[in-house]
Amino acid sequence: KTIDSMPSSNGRKRGREITFDPEARRQYLRGFSERKRQRRAFGLAMQKVKDRKAKLEERKEHRIAEKERIEEAERQKQRAIQERLGVTETEEKDDETENQEEEEEDVIAKLKAQSQTSTTTY
């Protein structure tokens, strides 16, 4: 008779005896810490990527702000020069509208050029 079919001292049958492969058990238990270590390494790598993107974005914003500051200083400088020369405000407004029209034409030309290159490129 096998061990399973032999009754124990209290009259019940004994359950099956479970044996573990020690190497498989060790790998299973070690797997938790390995996966945790991998998650941490991945998290740190992702954090580095996020930090780098944030730094680049901050630099970009700083460049834009600096450019706007310089442009504003140039406009103030031009106004001061025009005031010294006695240029009226209406002439200044005319110059600004001409500049805006030129900028709009440049933007339209760029968009047309982009649309032409994007439609011909496959």
PDB file of N, CA and C in Angstrom:
ATOM      1  N   LYS A   1       0.828  -1.188   0.000  1.00  0.00           N
ATOM      2  CA  LYS A   1       0.000   0.000   0.000  1.00  0.00           C
ATOM      3  C   LYS A   1       0.868   1.245   0.000  1.00  0.00           C
ATOM      4  N   THR A   2       0.292   2.306  -0.568  1.00  0.00           N
ATOM      5  CA  THR A   2       1.023   3.567  -0.593  1.00  0.00           C
ATOM      6  C   THR A   2       0.716   4.351   0.656  1.00  0.00           C
ATOM      7  N   ILE A   3       1.461   5.391   0.827  1.00  0.00           N
ATOM      8  CA  ILE A   3       1.282   6.231   2.017  1.00  0.00           C
ATOM      9  C   ILE A   3      -0.078   6.900   1.991  1.00  0.00           C
ATOM     10  N   ASP A   4      -0.558   7.270   0.810  1.00  0.00           N
ATOM     11  CA  ASP A   4      -1.829   7.983   0.704  1.00  0.00           C
ATOM     12  C   ASP A   4      -3.005   7.118   1.154  1.00  0.00           C
ATOM     13  N   SER A   5      -2.964   5.850   0.886  1.00  0.00           N
ATOM     14  CA  SER A   5      -4.110   5.003   1.193  1.00  0.00           C
ATOM     15  C   SER A   5      -4.074   4.462   2.617  1.00  0.00           C
ATOM     16  N   MET A   6      -2.986   4.653   3.339  1.00  0.00           N
ATOM     17  CA  MET A   6      -2.900   4.156   4.708  1.00  0.00           C
ATOM     18  C   MET A   6      -3.549   5.149   5.658  1.00  0.00           C
ATOM     19  N   PRO A   7      -4.439   4.696   6.503  1.00  0.00           N
ATOM     20  CA  PRO A   7      -5.077   5.613   7.449  1.00  0.00           C
ATOM     21  C   PRO A   7      -4.089   6.041   8.526  1.00  0.00           C
ATOM     22  N   SER A   8      -4.281   7.253   8.997  1.00  0.00           N
ATOM     23  CA  SER A   8      -3.417   7.744  10.064  1.00  0.00           C
ATOM     24  C   SER A   8      -3.956   7.240  11.395  1.00  0.00           C
ATOM     25  N   SER A   9      -3.361   7.654  12.482  1.00  0.00           N
ATOM     26  CA  SER A   9      -3.747   7.147  13.795  1.00  0.00           C
ATOM     27  C   SER A   9      -5.154   7.575  14.181  1.00  0.00           C
ATOM     28  N   ASN A  10      -5.665   8.672  13.651  1.00  0.00           N
ATOM     29  CA  ASN A  10      -7.012   9.093  14.025  1.00  0.00           C
ATOM     30  C   ASN A  10      -8.058   8.581  13.045  1.00  0.00           C
ATOM     31  N   GLY A  11      -7.685   7.767  12.086  1.00  0.00           N
ATOM     32  CA  GLY A  11      -8.629   7.120  11.203  1.00  0.00           C
ATOM     33  C   GLY A  11      -8.805   7.826   9.871  1.00  0.00           C
ATOM     34  N   ARG A  12      -8.223   8.962   9.695  1.00  0.00           N
ATOM     35  CA  ARG A  12      -8.348   9.683   8.426  1.00  0.00           C
ATOM     36  C   ARG A  12      -7.195   9.306   7.507  1.00  0.00           C
ATOM     37  N   LYS A  13      -7.454   9.472   6.239  1.00  0.00           N
ATOM     38  CA  LYS A  13      -6.377   9.240   5.287  1.00  0.00           C
ATOM     39  C   LYS A  13      -5.455  10.450   5.304  1.00  0.00           C
ATOM     40  N   ARG A  14      -4.193  10.184   5.128  1.00  0.00           N
ATOM     41  CA  ARG A  14      -3.226  11.284   5.089  1.00  0.00           C
ATOM     42  C   ARG A  14      -3.275  11.937   3.717  1.00  0.00           C
ATOM     43  N   GLY A  15      -3.066  13.252   3.672  1.00  0.00           N
ATOM     44  CA  GLY A  15      -3.032  13.976   2.403  1.00  0.00           C
ATOM     45  C   GLY A  15      -1.762  13.662   1.647  1.00  0.00           C
ATOM     46  N   ARG A  16      -1.723  14.093   0.451  1.00  0.00           N
ATOM     47  CA  ARG A  16      -0.533  13.847  -0.346  1.00  0.00           C
ATOM     48  C   ARG A  16       0.608  14.702   0.159  1.00  0.00           C
ATOM     49  N   GLU A  17       1.759  14.143   0.089  1.00  0.00           N
ATOM     50  CA  GLU A  17       2.948  14.868   0.518  1.00  0.00           C
ATOM     51  C   GLU A  17       3.480  15.655  -0.681  1.00  0.00           C
ATOM     52  N   ILE A  18       3.708  16.943  -0.468  1.00  0.00           N
ATOM     53  CA  ILE A  18       4.180  17.812  -1.540  1.00  0.00           C
ATOM     54  C   ILE A  18       5.671  18.026  -1.371  1.00  0.00           C
ATOM     55  N   THR A  19       6.376  17.806  -2.440  1.00  0.00           N
ATOM     56  CA  THR A  19       7.817  18.059  -2.405  1.00  0.00           C
ATOM     57  C   THR A  19       8.132  19.147  -3.433  1.00  0.00           C
ATOM     58  N   PHE A  20       9.016  20.038  -3.046  1.00  0.00           N
ATOM     59  CA  PHE A  20       9.411  21.146  -3.916  1.00  0.00           C
ATOM     60  C   PHE A  20      10.796  20.899  -4.458  1.00  0.00           C
ATOM     61  N   ASP A  21      10.972  21.343  -5.658  1.00  0.00           N
ATOM     62  CA  ASP A  21      12.307  21.352  -6.231  1.00  0.00           C
ATOM     63  C   ASP A  21      13.002  22.571  -5.630  1.00  0.00           C
ATOM     64  N   PRO A  22      14.060  22.382  -4.853  1.00  0.00           N
ATOM     65  CA  PRO A  22      14.686  23.516  -4.162  1.00  0.00           C
ATOM     66  C   PRO A  22      15.194  24.597  -5.119  1.00  0.00           C
ATOM     67  N   GLU A  23      15.704  24.194  -6.261  1.00  0.00           N
ATOM     68  CA  GLU A  23      16.227  25.187  -7.213  1.00  0.00           C
ATOM     69  C   GLU A  23      15.088  26.016  -7.798  1.00  0.00           C
ATOM     70  N   ALA A  24      13.981  25.354  -8.161  1.00  0.00           N
ATOM     71  CA  ALA A  24      12.836  26.076  -8.720  1.00  0.00           C
ATOM     72  C   ALA A  24      12.238  27.009  -7.674  1.00  0.00           C
ATOM     73  N   ARG A  25      12.163  26.552  -6.422  1.00  0.00           N
ATOM     74  CA  ARG A  25      11.635  27.386  -5.339  1.00  0.00           C
ATOM     75  C   ARG A  25      12.519  28.611  -5.146  1.00  0.00           C
ATOM     76  N   ARG A  26      13.831  28.423  -5.192  1.00  0.00           N
ATOM     77  CA  ARG A  26      14.763  29.529  -4.986  1.00  0.00           C
ATOM     78  C   ARG A  26      14.633  30.548  -6.128  1.00  0.00           C
ATOM     79  N   GLN A  27      14.505  30.048  -7.356  1.00  0.00           N
ATOM     80  CA  GLN A  27      14.340  30.962  -8.489  1.00  0.00           C
ATOM     81  C   GLN A  27      13.019  31.720  -8.393  1.00  0.00           C
ATOM     82  N   TYR A  28      11.979  31.040  -7.960  1.00  0.00           N
ATOM     83  CA  TYR A  28      10.671  31.680  -7.815  1.00  0.00           C
ATOM     84  C   TYR A  28      10.745  32.804  -6.790  1.00  0.00           C
ATOM     85  N   LEU A  29      11.332  32.512  -5.648  1.00  0.00           N
ATOM     86  CA  LEU A  29      11.422  33.523  -4.601  1.00  0.00           C
ATOM     87  C   LEU A  29      12.386  34.643  -4.991  1.00  0.00           C
ATOM     88  N   ARG A  30      13.462  34.309  -5.657  1.00  0.00           N
ATOM     89  CA  ARG A  30      14.435  35.314  -6.074  1.00  0.00           C
ATOM     90  C   ARG A  30      13.842  36.205  -7.173  1.00  0.00           C
ATOM     91  N   GLY A  31      12.918  35.662  -7.926  1.00  0.00           N
ATOM     92  CA  GLY A  31      12.302  36.416  -9.015  1.00  0.00           C
ATOM     93  C   GLY A  31      11.623  37.684  -8.540  1.00  0.00           C
ATOM     94  N   PHE A  32      11.046  37.663  -7.336  1.00  0.00           N
ATOM     95  CA  PHE A  32      10.382  38.856  -6.807  1.00  0.00           C
ATOM     96  C   PHE A  32      11.370  40.006  -6.683  1.00  0.00           C
ATOM     97  N   SER A  33      12.502  39.738  -6.084  1.00  0.00           N
ATOM     98  CA  SER A  33      13.484  40.813  -5.894  1.00  0.00           C
ATOM     99  C   SER A  33      14.096  41.238  -7.224  1.00  0.00           C
ATOM    100  N   GLU A  34      14.275  40.280  -8.134  1.00  0.00           N
ATOM    101  CA  GLU A  34      14.829  40.636  -9.445  1.00  0.00           C
ATOM    102  C   GLU A  34      13.870  41.535 -10.211  1.00  0.00           C
ATOM    103  N   ARG A  35      12.579  41.181 -10.192  1.00  0.00           N
ATOM    104  CA  ARG A  35      11.601  42.018 -10.891  1.00  0.00           C
ATOM    105  C   ARG A  35      11.488  43.389 -10.237  1.00  0.00           C
ATOM    106  N   LYS A  36      11.582  43.430  -8.911  1.00  0.00           N
ATOM    107  CA  LYS A  36      11.541  44.715  -8.215  1.00  0.00           C
ATOM    108  C   LYS A  36      12.748  45.564  -8.612  1.00  0.00           C
ATOM    109  N   ARG A  37      13.902  44.953  -8.697  1.00  0.00           N
ATOM    110  CA  ARG A  37      15.115  45.658  -9.091  1.00  0.00           C
ATOM    111  C   ARG A  37      14.980  46.184 -10.527  1.00  0.00           C
ATOM    112  N   GLN A  38      14.385  45.374 -11.404  1.00  0.00           N
ATOM    113  CA  GLN A  38      14.174  45.803 -12.784  1.00  0.00           C
ATOM    114  C   GLN A  38      13.202  46.985 -12.847  1.00  0.00           C
ATOM    115  N   ARG A  39      12.132  46.933 -12.042  1.00  0.00           N
ATOM    116  CA  ARG A  39      11.176  48.048 -12.016  1.00  0.00           C
ATOM    117  C   ARG A  39      11.847  49.325 -11.551  1.00  0.00           C
ATOM    118  N   ARG A  40      12.688  49.208 -10.525  1.00  0.00           N
ATOM    119  CA  ARG A  40      13.404  50.386 -10.021  1.00  0.00           C
ATOM    120  C   ARG A  40      14.332  50.958 -11.085  1.00  0.00           C
ATOM    121  N   ALA A  41      15.082  50.080 -11.749  1.00  0.00           N
ATOM    122  CA  ALA A  41      16.011  50.542 -12.789  1.00  0.00           C
ATOM    123  C   ALA A  41      15.243  51.223 -13.923  1.00  0.00           C
ATOM    124  N   PHE A  42      14.125  50.635 -14.313  1.00  0.00           N
ATOM    125  CA  PHE A  42      13.302  51.231 -15.366  1.00  0.00           C
ATOM    126  C   PHE A  42      12.745  52.573 -14.906  1.00  0.00           C
ATOM    127  N   GLY A  43      12.286  52.639 -13.665  1.00  0.00           N
ATOM    128  CA  GLY A  43      11.765  53.893 -13.120  1.00  0.00           C
ATOM    129  C   GLY A  43      12.820  54.984 -13.084  1.00  0.00           C
ATOM    130  N   LEU A  44      14.030  54.621 -12.681  1.00  0.00           N
ATOM    131  CA  LEU A  44      15.114  55.607 -12.660  1.00  0.00           C
ATOM    132  C   LEU A  44      15.443  56.088 -14.069  1.00  0.00           C
ATOM    133  N   ALA A  45      15.449  55.169 -15.018  1.00  0.00           N
ATOM    134  CA  ALA A  45      15.731  55.555 -16.403  1.00  0.00           C
ATOM    135  C   ALA A  45      14.640  56.486 -16.931  1.00  0.00           C
ATOM    136  N   MET A  46      13.395  56.163 -16.627  1.00  0.00           N
ATOM    137  CA  MET A  46      12.297  57.021 -17.071  1.00  0.00           C
ATOM    138  C   MET A  46      12.373  58.389 -16.410  1.00  0.00           C
ATOM    139  N   GLN A  47      12.771  58.436 -15.147  1.00  0.00           N
ATOM    140  CA  GLN A  47      12.901  59.711 -14.446  1.00  0.00           C
ATOM    141  C   GLN A  47      13.993  60.562 -15.086  1.00  0.00           C
ATOM    142  N   LYS A  48      15.089  59.918 -15.492  1.00  0.00           N
ATOM    143  CA  LYS A  48      16.160  60.654 -16.172  1.00  0.00           C
ATOM    144  C   LYS A  48      15.648  61.253 -17.474  1.00  0.00           C
ATOM    145  N   VAL A  49      14.865  60.464 -18.212  1.00  0.00           N
ATOM    146  CA  VAL A  49      14.308  60.956 -19.474  1.00  0.00           C
ATOM    147  C   VAL A  49      13.389  62.143 -19.212  1.00  0.00           C
ATOM    148  N   LYS A  50      12.527  62.027 -18.193  1.00  0.00           N
ATOM    149  CA  LYS A  50      11.610  63.122 -17.864  1.00  0.00           C
ATOM    150  C   LYS A  50      12.378  64.360 -17.434  1.00  0.00           C
ATOM    151  N   ASP A  51      13.410  64.173 -16.614  1.00  0.00           N
ATOM    152  CA  ASP A  51      14.220  65.308 -16.166  1.00  0.00           C
ATOM    153  C   ASP A  51      14.893  65.993 -17.350  1.00  0.00           C
ATOM    154  N   ARG A  52      15.401  65.198 -18.270  1.00  0.00           N
ATOM    155  CA  ARG A  52      16.071  65.765 -19.446  1.00  0.00           C
ATOM    156  C   ARG A  52      15.085  66.561 -20.292  1.00  0.00           C
ATOM    157  N   LYS A  53      13.884  65.993 -20.502  1.00  0.00           N
ATOM    158  CA  LYS A  53      12.871  66.703 -21.279  1.00  0.00           C
ATOM    159  C   LYS A  53      12.465  68.002 -20.589  1.00  0.00           C
ATOM    160  N   ALA A  54      12.320  67.955 -19.263  1.00  0.00           N
ATOM    161  CA  ALA A  54      11.954  69.158 -18.516  1.00  0.00           C
ATOM    162  C   ALA A  54      13.045  70.217 -18.639  1.00  0.00           C
ATOM    163  N   LYS A  55      14.288  69.779 -18.577  1.00  0.00           N
ATOM    164  CA  LYS A  55      15.411  70.709 -18.697  1.00  0.00           C
ATOM    165  C   LYS A  55      15.431  71.346 -20.082  1.00  0.00           C
ATOM    166  N   LEU A  56      15.214  70.535 -21.120  1.00  0.00           N
ATOM    167  CA  LEU A  56      15.174  71.065 -22.480  1.00  0.00           C
ATOM    168  C   LEU A  56      14.019  72.049 -22.656  1.00  0.00           C
ATOM    169  N   GLU A  57      12.872  71.706 -22.086  1.00  0.00           N
ATOM    170  CA  GLU A  57      11.708  72.593 -22.171  1.00  0.00           C
ATOM    171  C   GLU A  57      11.985  73.908 -21.452  1.00  0.00           C
ATOM    172  N   GLU A  58      12.634  73.822 -20.302  1.00  0.00           N
ATOM    173  CA  GLU A  58      12.981  75.025 -19.549  1.00  0.00           C
ATOM    174  C   GLU A  58      13.936  75.908 -20.354  1.00  0.00           C
ATOM    175  N   ARG A  59      14.915  75.289 -20.995  1.00  0.00           N
ATOM    176  CA  ARG A  59      15.849  76.052 -21.832  1.00  0.00           C
ATOM    177  C   ARG A  59      15.119  76.726 -22.991  1.00  0.00           C
ATOM    178  N   LYS A  60      14.197  75.980 -23.595  1.00  0.00           N
ATOM    179  CA  LYS A  60      13.433  76.521 -24.717  1.00  0.00           C
ATOM    180  C   LYS A  60      12.620  77.732 -24.267  1.00  0.00           C
ATOM    181  N   GLU A  61      11.937  77.611 -23.132  1.00  0.00           N
ATOM    182  CA  GLU A  61      11.150  78.723 -22.609  1.00  0.00           C
ATOM    183  C   GLU A  61      12.044  79.917 -22.295  1.00  0.00           C
ATOM    184  N   HIS A  62      13.224  79.643 -21.758  1.00  0.00           N
ATOM    185  CA  HIS A  62      14.163  80.723 -21.437  1.00  0.00           C
ATOM    186  C   HIS A  62      14.609  81.436 -22.719  1.00  0.00           C
ATOM    187  N   ARG A  63      14.899  80.655 -23.766  1.00  0.00           N
ATOM    188  CA  ARG A  63      15.304  81.267 -25.040  1.00  0.00           C
ATOM    189  C   ARG A  63      14.188  82.139 -25.605  1.00  0.00           C
ATOM    190  N   ILE A  64      12.960  81.638 -25.539  1.00  0.00           N
ATOM    191  CA  ILE A  64      11.823  82.401 -26.058  1.00  0.00           C
ATOM    192  C   ILE A  64      11.645  83.687 -25.264  1.00  0.00           C
ATOM    193  N   ALA A  65      11.711  83.588 -23.941  1.00  0.00           N
ATOM    194  CA  ALA A  65      11.565  84.774 -23.096  1.00  0.00           C
ATOM    195  C   ALA A  65      12.681  85.776 -23.378  1.00  0.00           C
ATOM    196  N   GLU A  66      13.890  85.279 -23.543  1.00  0.00           N
ATOM    197  CA  GLU A  66      15.027  86.159 -23.833  1.00  0.00           C
ATOM    198  C   GLU A  66      14.840  86.844 -25.185  1.00  0.00           C
ATOM    199  N   LYS A  67      14.375  86.094 -26.163  1.00  0.00           N
ATOM    200  CA  LYS A  67      14.133  86.654 -27.489  1.00  0.00           C
ATOM    201  C   LYS A  67      13.057  87.736 -27.422  1.00  0.00           C
ATOM    202  N   GLU A  68      11.982  87.477 -26.688  1.00  0.00           N
ATOM    203  CA  GLU A  68      10.916  88.467 -26.541  1.00  0.00           C
ATOM    204  C   GLU A  68      11.432  89.715 -25.833  1.00  0.00           C
ATOM    205  N   ARG A  69      12.267  89.514 -24.824  1.00  0.00           N
ATOM    206  CA  ARG A  69      12.828  90.652 -24.092  1.00  0.00           C
ATOM    207  C   ARG A  69      13.690  91.507 -25.014  1.00  0.00           C
ATOM    208  N   ILE A  70      14.497  90.858 -25.836  1.00  0.00           N
ATOM    209  CA  ILE A  70      15.357  91.583 -26.776  1.00  0.00           C
ATOM    210  C   ILE A  70      14.518  92.329 -27.810  1.00  0.00           C
ATOM    211  N   GLU A  71      13.478  91.660 -28.323  1.00  0.00           N
ATOM    212  CA  GLU A  71      12.612  92.312 -29.308  1.00  0.00           C
ATOM    213  C   GLU A  71      11.923  93.532 -28.708  1.00  0.00           C
ATOM    214  N   GLU A  72      11.463  93.400 -27.469  1.00  0.00           N
ATOM    215  CA  GLU A  72      10.819  94.535 -26.797  1.00  0.00           C
ATOM    216  C   GLU A  72      11.818  95.671 -26.603  1.00  0.00           C
ATOM    217  N   ALA A  73      13.043  95.354 -26.236  1.00  0.00           N
ATOM    218  CA  ALA A  73      14.072  96.381 -26.076  1.00  0.00           C
ATOM    219  C   ALA A  73      14.343  97.072 -27.410  1.00  0.00           C
ATOM    220  N   GLU A  74      14.356  96.302 -28.498  1.00  0.00           N
ATOM    221  CA  GLU A  74      14.558  96.890 -29.827  1.00  0.00           C
ATOM    222  C   GLU A  74      13.407  97.822 -30.189  1.00  0.00           C
ATOM    223  N   ARG A  75      12.179  97.406 -29.897  1.00  0.00           N
ATOM    224  CA  ARG A  75      11.022  98.262 -30.186  1.00  0.00           C
ATOM    225  C   ARG A  75      11.101  99.562 -29.394  1.00  0.00           C
ATOM    226  N   GLN A  76      11.461  99.454 -28.110  1.00  0.00           N
ATOM    227  CA  GLN A  76      11.598 100.659 -27.289  1.00  0.00           C
ATOM    228  C   GLN A  76      12.706 101.554 -27.830  1.00  0.00           C
ATOM    229  N   LYS A  77      13.780 100.957 -28.265  1.00  0.00           N
ATOM    230  CA  LYS A  77      14.894 101.717 -28.831  1.00  0.00           C
ATOM    231  C   LYS A  77      14.443 102.452 -30.091  1.00  0.00           C
ATOM    232  N   GLN A  78      13.706 101.752 -30.951  1.00  0.00           N
ATOM    233  CA  GLN A  78      13.200 102.371 -32.179  1.00  0.00           C
ATOM    234  C   GLN A  78      12.240 103.515 -31.860  1.00  0.00           C
ATOM    235  N   ARG A  79      11.379 103.320 -30.862  1.00  0.00           N
ATOM    236  CA  ARG A  79      10.451 104.387 -30.462  1.00  0.00           C
ATOM    237  C   ARG A  79      11.217 105.604 -29.977  1.00  0.00           C
ATOM    238  N   ALA A  80      12.244 105.374 -29.170  1.00  0.00           N
ATOM    239  CA  ALA A  80      13.040 106.487 -28.649  1.00  0.00           C
ATOM    240  C   ALA A  80      13.732 107.233 -29.784  1.00  0.00           C
ATOM    241  N   ILE A  81      14.263 106.505 -30.736  1.00  0.00           N
ATOM    242  CA  ILE A  81      14.924 107.137 -31.884  1.00  0.00           C
ATOM    243  C   ILE A  81      13.914 107.941 -32.692  1.00  0.00           C
ATOM    244  N   GLN A  82      12.747 107.350 -32.919  1.00  0.00           N
ATOM    245  CA  GLN A  82      11.720 108.034 -33.702  1.00  0.00           C
ATOM    246  C   GLN A  82      11.215 109.280 -32.984  1.00  0.00           C
ATOM    247  N   GLU A  83      11.087 109.208 -31.665  1.00  0.00           N
ATOM    248  CA  GLU A  83      10.658 110.380 -30.904  1.00  0.00           C
ATOM    249  C   GLU A  83      11.687 111.495 -31.022  1.00  0.00           C
ATOM    250  N   ARG A  84      12.943 111.159 -30.989  1.00  0.00           N
ATOM    251  CA  ARG A  84      13.998 112.167 -31.125  1.00  0.00           C
ATOM    252  C   ARG A  84      13.994 112.791 -32.515  1.00  0.00           C
ATOM    253  N   LEU A  85      13.675 111.974 -33.506  1.00  0.00           N
ATOM    254  CA  LEU A  85      13.655 112.486 -34.874  1.00  0.00           C
ATOM    255  C   LEU A  85      12.344 113.187 -35.206  1.00  0.00           C
ATOM    256  N   GLY A  86      11.346 113.038 -34.337  1.00  0.00           N
ATOM    257  CA  GLY A  86      10.067 113.711 -34.535  1.00  0.00           C
ATOM    258  C   GLY A  86       9.096 112.950 -35.412  1.00  0.00           C
ATOM    259  N   VAL A  87       9.223 111.667 -35.497  1.00  0.00           N
ATOM    260  CA  VAL A  87       8.298 110.861 -36.280  1.00  0.00           C
ATOM    261  C   VAL A  87       6.987 110.772 -35.510  1.00  0.00           C
ATOM    262  N   THR A  88       5.876 110.957 -36.203  1.00  0.00           N
ATOM    263  CA  THR A  88       4.578 110.922 -35.529  1.00  0.00           C
ATOM    264  C   THR A  88       4.161 109.477 -35.275  1.00  0.00           C
ATOM    265  N   GLU A  89       3.166 109.348 -34.419  1.00  0.00           N
ATOM    266  CA  GLU A  89       2.680 108.008 -34.077  1.00  0.00           C
ATOM    267  C   GLU A  89       1.984 107.351 -35.253  1.00  0.00           C
ATOM    268  N   THR A  90       1.326 108.127 -36.092  1.00  0.00           N
ATOM    269  CA  THR A  90       0.630 107.522 -37.231  1.00  0.00           C
ATOM    270  C   THR A  90       1.618 106.885 -38.193  1.00  0.00           C
ATOM    271  N   GLU A  91       2.763 107.522 -38.385  1.00  0.00           N
ATOM    272  CA  GLU A  91       3.782 106.928 -39.244  1.00  0.00           C
ATOM    273  C   GLU A  91       4.310 105.634 -38.637  1.00  0.00           C
ATOM    274  N   GLU A  92       4.443 105.638 -37.300  1.00  0.00           N
ATOM    275  CA  GLU A  92       4.913 104.426 -36.608  1.00  0.00           C
ATOM    276  C   GLU A  92       3.905 103.303 -36.773  1.00  0.00           C
ATOM    277  N   LYS A  93       2.613 103.625 -36.658  1.00  0.00           N
ATOM    278  CA  LYS A  93       1.573 102.609 -36.821  1.00  0.00           C
ATOM    279  C   LYS A  93       1.572 102.071 -38.241  1.00  0.00           C
ATOM    280  N   ASP A  94       1.782 102.974 -39.209  1.00  0.00           N
ATOM    281  CA  ASP A  94       1.858 102.528 -40.599  1.00  0.00           C
ATOM    282  C   ASP A  94       3.015 101.551 -40.784  1.00  0.00           C
ATOM    283  N   ASP A  95       4.154 101.865 -40.170  1.00  0.00           N
ATOM    284  CA  ASP A  95       5.309 100.973 -40.252  1.00  0.00           C
ATOM    285  C   ASP A  95       4.992  99.617 -39.629  1.00  0.00           C
ATOM    286  N   GLU A  96       4.291  99.633 -38.489  1.00  0.00           N
ATOM    287  CA  GLU A  96       3.944  98.376 -37.815  1.00  0.00           C
ATOM    288  C   GLU A  96       3.002  97.545 -38.674  1.00  0.00           C
ATOM    289  N   THR A  97       2.005  98.194 -39.301  1.00  0.00           N
ATOM    290  CA  THR A  97       1.080  97.430 -40.140  1.00  0.00           C
ATOM    291  C   THR A  97       1.799  96.866 -41.359  1.00  0.00           C
ATOM    292  N   GLU A  98       2.751  97.631 -41.915  1.00  0.00           N
ATOM    293  CA  GLU A  98       3.533  97.112 -43.036  1.00  0.00           C
ATOM    294  C   GLU A  98       4.351  95.898 -42.599  1.00  0.00           C
ATOM    295  N   ASN A  99       4.948  95.982 -41.412  1.00  0.00           N
ATOM    296  CA  ASN A  99       5.724  94.853 -40.889  1.00  0.00           C
ATOM    297  C   ASN A  99       4.839  93.637 -40.681  1.00  0.00           C
ATOM    298  N   GLN A 100       3.629  93.853 -40.155  1.00  0.00           N
ATOM    299  CA  GLN A 100       2.712  92.744 -39.930  1.00  0.00           C
ATOM    300  C   GLN A 100       2.304  92.112 -41.257  1.00  0.00           C
ATOM    301  N   GLU A 101       2.043  92.950 -42.260  1.00  0.00           N
ATOM    302  CA  GLU A 101       1.666  92.425 -43.567  1.00  0.00           C
ATOM    303  C   GLU A 101       2.805  91.607 -44.168  1.00  0.00           C
ATOM    304  N   GLU A 102       4.030  92.091 -44.019  1.00  0.00           N
ATOM    305  CA  GLU A 102       5.180  91.352 -44.535  1.00  0.00           C
ATOM    306  C   GLU A 102       5.332  90.017 -43.817  1.00  0.00           C
ATOM    307  N   GLU A 103       5.128  90.027 -42.492  1.00  0.00           N
ATOM    308  CA  GLU A 103       5.225  88.780 -41.721  1.00  0.00           C
ATOM    309  C   GLU A 103       4.151  87.801 -42.157  1.00  0.00           C
ATOM    310  N   GLU A 104       2.924  88.297 -42.385  1.00  0.00           N
ATOM    311  CA  GLU A 104       1.839  87.430 -42.830  1.00  0.00           C
ATOM    312  C   GLU A 104       2.160  86.823 -44.194  1.00  0.00           C
ATOM    313  N   GLU A 105       2.707  87.643 -45.092  1.00  0.00           N
ATOM    314  CA  GLU A 105       3.077  87.134 -46.412  1.00  0.00           C
ATOM    315  C   GLU A 105       4.164  86.065 -46.298  1.00  0.00           C
ATOM    316  N   ASP A 106       5.121  86.284 -45.405  1.00  0.00           N
ATOM    317  CA  ASP A 106       6.176  85.292 -45.193  1.00  0.00           C
ATOM    318  C   ASP A 106       5.598  83.979 -44.688  1.00  0.00           C
ATOM    319  N   VAL A 107       4.670  84.062 -43.740  1.00  0.00           N
ATOM    320  CA  VAL A 107       4.048  82.858 -43.182  1.00  0.00           C
ATOM    321  C   VAL A 107       3.278  82.122 -44.260  1.00  0.00           C
ATOM    322  N   ILE A 108       2.531  82.856 -45.074  1.00  0.00           N
ATOM    323  CA  ILE A 108       1.755  82.231 -46.146  1.00  0.00           C
ATOM    324  C   ILE A 108       2.692  81.542 -47.137  1.00  0.00           C
ATOM    325  N   ALA A 109       3.788  82.212 -47.486  1.00  0.00           N
ATOM    326  CA  ALA A 109       4.750  81.618 -48.416  1.00  0.00           C
ATOM    327  C   ALA A 109       5.358  80.346 -47.833  1.00  0.00           C
ATOM    328  N   LYS A 110       5.681  80.368 -46.534  1.00  0.00           N
ATOM    329  CA  LYS A 110       6.244  79.174 -45.886  1.00  0.00           C
ATOM    330  C   LYS A 110       5.251  78.026 -45.900  1.00  0.00           C
ATOM    331  N   LEU A 111       3.975  78.336 -45.591  1.00  0.00           N
ATOM    332  CA  LEU A 111       2.956  77.291 -45.574  1.00  0.00           C
ATOM    333  C   LEU A 111       2.766  76.692 -46.964  1.00  0.00           C
ATOM    334  N   LYS A 112       2.781  77.538 -47.982  1.00  0.00           N
ATOM    335  CA  LYS A 112       2.645  77.022 -49.339  1.00  0.00           C
ATOM    336  C   LYS A 112       3.815  76.116 -49.689  1.00  0.00           C
ATOM    337  N   ALA A 113       5.012  76.540 -49.310  1.00  0.00           N
ATOM    338  CA  ALA A 113       6.196  75.732 -49.600  1.00  0.00           C
ATOM    339  C   ALA A 113       6.129  74.396 -48.877  1.00  0.00           C
ATOM    340  N   GLN A 114       5.669  74.410 -47.628  1.00  0.00           N
ATOM    341  CA  GLN A 114       5.556  73.164 -46.859  1.00  0.00           C
ATOM    342  C   GLN A 114       4.508  72.253 -47.472  1.00  0.00           C
ATOM    343  N   SER A 115       3.380  72.817 -47.900  1.00  0.00           N
ATOM    344  CA  SER A 115       2.324  71.978 -48.466  1.00  0.00           C
ATOM    345  C   SER A 115       2.770  71.365 -49.786  1.00  0.00           C
ATOM    346  N   GLN A 116       3.559  72.100 -50.555  1.00  0.00           N
ATOM    347  CA  GLN A 116       4.051  71.560 -51.815  1.00  0.00           C
ATOM    348  C   GLN A 116       5.043  70.435 -51.578  1.00  0.00           C
ATOM    349  N   THR A 117       5.928  70.598 -50.593  1.00  0.00           N
ATOM    350  CA  THR A 117       6.917  69.549 -50.325  1.00  0.00           C
ATOM    351  C   THR A 117       6.267  68.340 -49.693  1.00  0.00           C
ATOM    352  N   SER A 118       5.239  68.548 -48.875  1.00  0.00           N
ATOM    353  CA  SER A 118       4.613  67.406 -48.208  1.00  0.00           C
ATOM    354  C   SER A 118       3.758  66.601 -49.170  1.00  0.00           C
ATOM    355  N   THR A 119       3.187  67.241 -50.196  1.00  0.00           N
ATOM    356  CA  THR A 119       2.361  66.482 -51.130  1.00  0.00           C
ATOM    357  C   THR A 119       3.194  65.722 -52.140  1.00  0.00           C
ATOM    358  N   THR A 120       4.383  66.231 -52.472  1.00  0.00           N
ATOM    359  CA  THR A 120       5.213  65.540 -53.456  1.00  0.00           C
ATOM    360  C   THR A 120       6.085  64.470 -52.840  1.00  0.00           C
ATOM    361  N   THR A 121       6.288  64.500 -51.527  1.00  0.00           N
ATOM    362  CA  THR A 121       7.137  63.523 -50.858  1.00  0.00           C
ATOM    363  C   THR A 121       6.324  62.279 -50.518  1.00  0.00           C
ATOM    364  N   TYR A 122       6.851  61.111 -50.865  1.00  0.00           N
ATOM    365  CA  TYR A 122       6.156  59.857 -50.556  1.00  0.00           C
ATOM    366  C   TYR A 122       6.981  59.016 -49.663  1.00  0.00           C
TER     367      TYR A 122
END
